[in-house]
Amino acid sequence: MIVLKTSRELAAMRKAGKISQQALRLAGEAVEPGVSTWELDKIIRQFIEKSGATPSFLNYGGFPASACISVNDVVIHGIPGKSTILKKGDIVGIDVGACYEGFHGDNAWTFPVGEISPEAQALLDATEKALFLGIAQARPGNRLGDIGHAVQEYVEARNYSVVREFVGHGVGAKLHEDPSVPNYGTPGRGVRLLPGMTIAIEPMVNQGKAPVRILDDGWTTVTRDGSLSAHFEHTVAITADGPVILTSLD
């Protein structure tokens, strides 16, 4: 069931989204060679809790950390660890959620670790651009297929692949709500977008082929062909005036 949010609920989601974004930016500023993903997770948890919120991901379905931190060929759900040390040339996806006053904000960004290859930078640029093209389609009267198509068309035109097994989702009082928000689709098809809907749009884009696999820990999801993967995400509200990014500092 899709839950349309009231103005009061949207205000709470904006607060949760701002905390999520601040935590994500703090972690991004700490990204450099020699830093462990455990250290980044610690920064995120401390900031979220200091802000009067709780990390959305901690113990969610048994997930053991406050953020998903995914390096290079890890698509999503990377588990932070003291032994996972960032190196120059890596890319690291950081996915952060915060729950404030009973509502969640969810966002992700993929950061370069020092100087990265032109090919890796092109992947990051394309995935970020695809996110904002998808967001631009999140308007009343459009359908979910319009969002997915905008992402897919841009990504595939650059010979990258859209992950199919994992998609975006509704966000609200629950971290994952209806509807599912694929990063592929047909224009004019799917659920119609209405004011009050709140969704996480999150392109997951592989440099190589689309298939992924989940490692034995039950969480870490990697590209099957070992190619790099990038992940960008914002929580977005559908309003009468168009899309509003809730995971923003503005």
Protein backbone atom coordinates (compact mmCIF):
# COMPACT_ATOMS: atom_id res chain seq x y z
CA MET A 1 0.00 0.00 0.00
CA ILE A 2 1.32 3.43 -0.97
CA VAL A 3 1.12 5.95 1.88
CA LEU A 4 0.61 9.61 0.97
CA LYS A 5 2.30 11.89 3.49
CA THR A 6 0.73 14.88 5.22
CA SER A 7 2.52 18.21 5.44
CA ARG A 8 3.48 17.40 9.05
CA GLU A 9 4.92 14.06 8.01
CA LEU A 10 6.81 15.64 5.13
CA ALA A 11 8.32 18.15 7.57
CA ALA A 12 9.56 15.28 9.75
CA MET A 13 10.96 13.52 6.69
CA ARG A 14 12.78 16.68 5.69
CA LYS A 15 14.47 16.74 9.12
CA ALA A 16 15.39 13.06 8.82
CA GLY A 17 16.65 13.65 5.30
CA LYS A 18 18.81 16.58 6.35
CA ILE A 19 20.43 14.50 9.10
CA SER A 20 21.02 11.67 6.61
CA GLN A 21 22.62 14.08 4.16
CA GLN A 22 24.83 15.70 6.78
CA ALA A 23 26.05 12.30 7.95
CA LEU A 24 26.75 11.26 4.37
CA ARG A 25 28.71 14.43 3.65
CA LEU A 26 30.77 14.08 6.82
CA ALA A 27 31.71 10.55 5.85
CA GLY A 28 32.51 11.69 2.32
CA GLU A 29 34.86 14.36 3.66
CA ALA A 30 36.70 11.64 5.60
CA VAL A 31 37.22 9.44 2.55
CA GLU A 32 40.94 9.17 1.78
CA PRO A 33 43.57 6.47 1.31
CA GLY A 34 44.33 4.62 4.53
CA VAL A 35 40.91 5.11 6.12
CA SER A 36 38.92 2.00 7.03
CA THR A 37 35.24 1.62 6.23
CA TRP A 38 34.74 0.96 9.96
CA GLU A 39 35.99 4.47 10.69
CA LEU A 40 33.53 5.94 8.21
CA ASP A 41 30.68 4.00 9.79
CA LYS A 42 31.68 5.30 13.23
CA ILE A 43 31.56 8.91 11.97
CA ILE A 44 28.08 8.31 10.56
CA ARG A 45 26.67 6.67 13.67
CA GLN A 46 28.06 9.29 16.04
CA PHE A 47 26.66 12.16 13.99
CA ILE A 48 23.20 10.63 13.58
CA GLU A 49 22.89 9.84 17.28
CA LYS A 50 24.25 13.26 18.28
CA SER A 51 21.50 14.76 16.09
CA GLY A 52 18.79 13.01 18.09
CA ALA A 53 18.09 10.43 15.40
CA THR A 54 18.82 6.73 15.03
CA PRO A 55 20.67 4.99 12.16
CA SER A 56 18.01 3.42 9.95
CA PHE A 57 20.22 0.53 8.86
CA LEU A 58 21.62 -0.58 12.24
CA ASN A 59 20.16 -4.03 12.98
CA TYR A 60 17.71 -3.65 10.07
CA GLY A 61 17.07 -7.25 9.10
CA GLY A 62 20.19 -8.08 11.09
CA PHE A 63 22.52 -5.67 9.28
CA PRO A 64 25.43 -5.11 11.70
CA ALA A 65 26.38 -1.49 10.97
CA SER A 66 24.98 2.03 10.68
CA ALA A 67 25.78 2.46 6.99
CA CYS A 68 26.33 0.32 3.93
CA ILE A 69 29.81 1.04 2.58
CA SER A 70 30.64 -0.57 -0.75
CA VAL A 71 34.07 -0.48 -2.42
CA ASN A 72 34.78 -0.91 -6.16
CA ASP A 73 32.87 -3.99 -7.40
CA VAL A 74 30.59 -4.05 -4.36
CA VAL A 75 27.26 -2.73 -5.64
CA ILE A 76 25.40 -2.25 -2.35
CA HIS A 77 25.16 -3.52 1.24
CA GLY A 78 28.88 -3.62 1.92
CA ILE A 79 29.53 -4.29 5.62
CA PRO A 80 32.03 -1.83 7.17
CA GLY A 81 35.11 -3.41 8.71
CA LYS A 82 38.44 -2.46 10.29
CA SER A 83 40.25 -4.60 7.72
CA THR A 84 38.68 -2.88 4.71
CA ILE A 85 41.15 -0.06 4.07
CA LEU A 86 40.56 2.42 1.27
CA LYS A 87 43.31 2.78 -1.33
CA LYS A 88 44.07 5.52 -3.84
CA GLY A 89 42.07 4.85 -6.99
CA ASP A 90 39.18 3.09 -5.24
CA ILE A 91 35.60 4.25 -5.42
CA VAL A 92 33.41 3.88 -2.34
CA GLY A 93 29.63 3.98 -2.20
CA ILE A 94 28.21 5.15 1.14
CA ASP A 95 24.51 4.56 1.84
CA VAL A 96 23.09 6.29 4.92
CA GLY A 97 19.66 6.39 6.52
CA ALA A 98 18.46 8.25 9.61
CA CYS A 99 15.18 7.95 11.48
CA TYR A 100 13.89 11.12 13.16
CA GLU A 101 10.50 11.51 14.88
CA GLY A 102 9.42 8.20 13.40
CA PHE A 103 10.33 8.93 9.77
CA HIS A 104 13.29 7.97 7.61
CA GLY A 105 15.62 9.76 5.23
CA ASP A 106 17.72 7.60 2.88
CA ASN A 107 20.56 8.70 0.60
CA ALA A 108 23.76 7.44 -1.00
CA TRP A 109 26.75 8.77 -2.90
CA THR A 110 29.83 7.21 -4.47
CA PHE A 111 33.09 8.99 -3.68
CA PRO A 112 36.52 8.80 -5.31
CA VAL A 113 39.41 7.81 -3.05
CA GLY A 114 42.15 10.20 -4.05
CA GLU A 115 42.82 10.36 -7.77
CA ILE A 116 40.83 7.78 -9.73
CA SER A 117 40.97 6.62 -13.33
CA PRO A 118 39.12 8.57 -16.03
CA GLU A 119 36.99 5.46 -16.62
CA ALA A 120 35.95 5.30 -12.96
CA GLN A 121 35.19 9.03 -12.90
CA ALA A 122 33.05 8.68 -16.02
CA LEU A 123 31.02 5.97 -14.28
CA LEU A 124 30.46 8.18 -11.25
CA ASP A 125 29.48 11.15 -13.40
CA ALA A 126 27.02 9.11 -15.45
CA THR A 127 25.36 7.56 -12.42
CA GLU A 128 25.00 10.92 -10.67
CA LYS A 129 23.52 12.45 -13.82
CA ALA A 130 21.11 9.51 -14.17
CA LEU A 131 19.88 10.10 -10.61
CA PHE A 132 18.93 13.69 -11.36
CA LEU A 133 17.33 12.76 -14.68
CA GLY A 134 15.19 10.27 -12.77
CA ILE A 135 14.31 12.86 -10.14
CA ALA A 136 13.22 15.30 -12.86
CA GLN A 137 10.53 12.80 -13.90
CA ALA A 138 9.11 12.54 -10.35
CA ARG A 139 6.16 14.83 -11.07
CA PRO A 140 2.43 14.39 -10.45
CA GLY A 141 0.76 12.68 -13.39
CA ASN A 142 3.91 10.87 -14.50
CA ARG A 143 4.38 7.18 -13.82
CA LEU A 144 7.13 5.12 -12.28
CA GLY A 145 8.13 3.93 -15.73
CA ASP A 146 9.04 7.52 -16.64
CA ILE A 147 11.59 7.62 -13.82
CA GLY A 148 13.08 4.24 -14.63
CA HIS A 149 13.23 4.95 -18.35
CA ALA A 150 15.07 8.24 -17.82
CA VAL A 151 17.74 6.45 -15.78
CA GLN A 152 18.01 3.43 -18.07
CA GLU A 153 18.15 5.41 -21.32
CA TYR A 154 20.97 7.65 -20.13
CA VAL A 155 23.02 4.84 -18.58
CA GLU A 156 22.72 2.35 -21.40
CA ALA A 157 23.52 4.99 -24.02
CA ARG A 158 26.93 5.13 -22.36
CA ASN A 159 27.38 1.36 -22.48
CA TYR A 160 26.86 0.87 -18.75
CA SER A 161 24.37 -1.55 -17.18
CA VAL A 162 21.52 -0.95 -14.77
CA VAL A 163 21.25 -3.41 -11.89
CA ARG A 164 17.94 -5.28 -12.11
CA GLU A 165 17.84 -7.33 -8.90
CA PHE A 166 17.70 -4.26 -6.63
CA VAL A 167 15.57 -1.14 -7.05
CA GLY A 168 14.52 2.04 -5.31
CA HIS A 169 11.53 2.13 -2.99
CA GLY A 170 8.99 4.14 -1.05
CA VAL A 171 10.23 5.75 2.17
CA GLY A 172 8.35 7.01 5.21
CA ALA A 173 7.52 5.61 8.61
CA LYS A 174 9.15 2.46 7.26
CA LEU A 175 12.56 2.47 5.61
CA HIS A 176 11.18 0.43 2.73
CA GLU A 177 7.59 1.04 1.65
CA ASP A 178 5.60 0.64 -1.54
CA PRO A 179 6.10 1.29 -4.36
CA SER A 180 9.22 -0.32 -5.81
CA VAL A 181 11.09 2.16 -8.00
CA PRO A 182 13.07 0.35 -10.72
CA ASN A 183 15.92 2.04 -12.57
CA TYR A 184 14.51 0.76 -15.85
CA GLY A 185 11.08 0.90 -17.42
CA THR A 186 8.74 2.05 -20.14
CA PRO A 187 7.50 5.64 -20.30
CA GLY A 188 3.83 6.00 -19.35
CA ARG A 189 3.71 2.65 -17.56
CA GLY A 190 3.54 1.74 -13.90
CA VAL A 191 2.08 3.42 -10.83
CA ARG A 192 0.88 6.99 -11.34
CA LEU A 193 2.75 9.55 -9.23
CA LEU A 194 0.65 11.59 -6.80
CA PRO A 195 1.41 14.50 -4.47
CA GLY A 196 2.36 13.16 -1.05
CA MET A 197 4.29 10.16 -2.33
CA THR A 198 7.85 9.86 -1.03
CA ILE A 199 10.32 7.62 -2.83
CA ALA A 200 14.00 6.76 -2.85
CA ILE A 201 15.39 7.01 -6.37
CA GLU A 202 18.72 5.19 -6.45
CA PRO A 203 20.50 4.22 -9.66
CA MET A 204 22.92 1.32 -9.21
CA VAL A 205 25.06 1.23 -12.33
CA ASN A 206 27.71 -1.29 -13.36
CA GLN A 207 30.66 -0.53 -15.61
CA GLY A 208 30.30 -4.02 -17.05
CA LYS A 209 27.31 -6.35 -17.23
CA ALA A 210 24.20 -6.08 -15.07
CA PRO A 211 24.13 -9.39 -13.10
CA VAL A 212 25.14 -9.35 -9.43
CA ARG A 213 25.60 -11.94 -6.71
CA ILE A 214 25.33 -11.89 -2.92
CA LEU A 215 28.31 -13.13 -0.90
CA ASP A 216 28.13 -15.69 1.89
CA ASP A 217 27.58 -13.01 4.56
CA GLY A 218 24.08 -12.60 3.13
CA TRP A 219 24.51 -8.87 2.49
CA THR A 220 27.49 -7.87 0.37
CA THR A 221 26.33 -7.65 -3.23
CA VAL A 222 29.00 -7.60 -5.97
CA THR A 223 29.08 -7.46 -9.74
CA ARG A 224 29.33 -10.96 -11.21
CA ASP A 225 32.00 -9.89 -13.69
CA GLY A 226 34.09 -7.95 -11.15
CA SER A 227 33.47 -4.61 -12.82
CA LEU A 228 33.12 -1.35 -10.90
CA SER A 229 29.71 -0.24 -9.66
CA ALA A 230 28.38 3.17 -8.59
CA HIS A 231 25.35 4.04 -6.44
CA PHE A 232 23.66 7.43 -5.97
CA GLU A 233 20.40 8.04 -4.09
CA HIS A 234 18.06 10.75 -2.83
CA THR A 235 14.75 10.61 -1.00
CA VAL A 236 12.26 12.62 -3.04
CA ALA A 237 8.77 13.94 -2.33
CA ILE A 238 6.24 14.24 -5.13
CA THR A 239 4.53 17.63 -4.74
CA ALA A 240 2.09 19.69 -6.79
CA ASP A 241 5.05 21.88 -7.76
CA GLY A 242 7.23 18.95 -8.82
CA PRO A 243 9.92 16.85 -7.13
CA VAL A 244 11.44 18.03 -3.84
CA ILE A 245 14.66 16.40 -2.63
CA LEU A 246 14.23 15.67 1.09
CA THR A 247 17.84 14.51 1.57
CA SER A 248 19.24 17.95 0.93
CA LEU A 249 20.88 20.59 3.07
CA ASP A 250 18.91 23.37 1.34
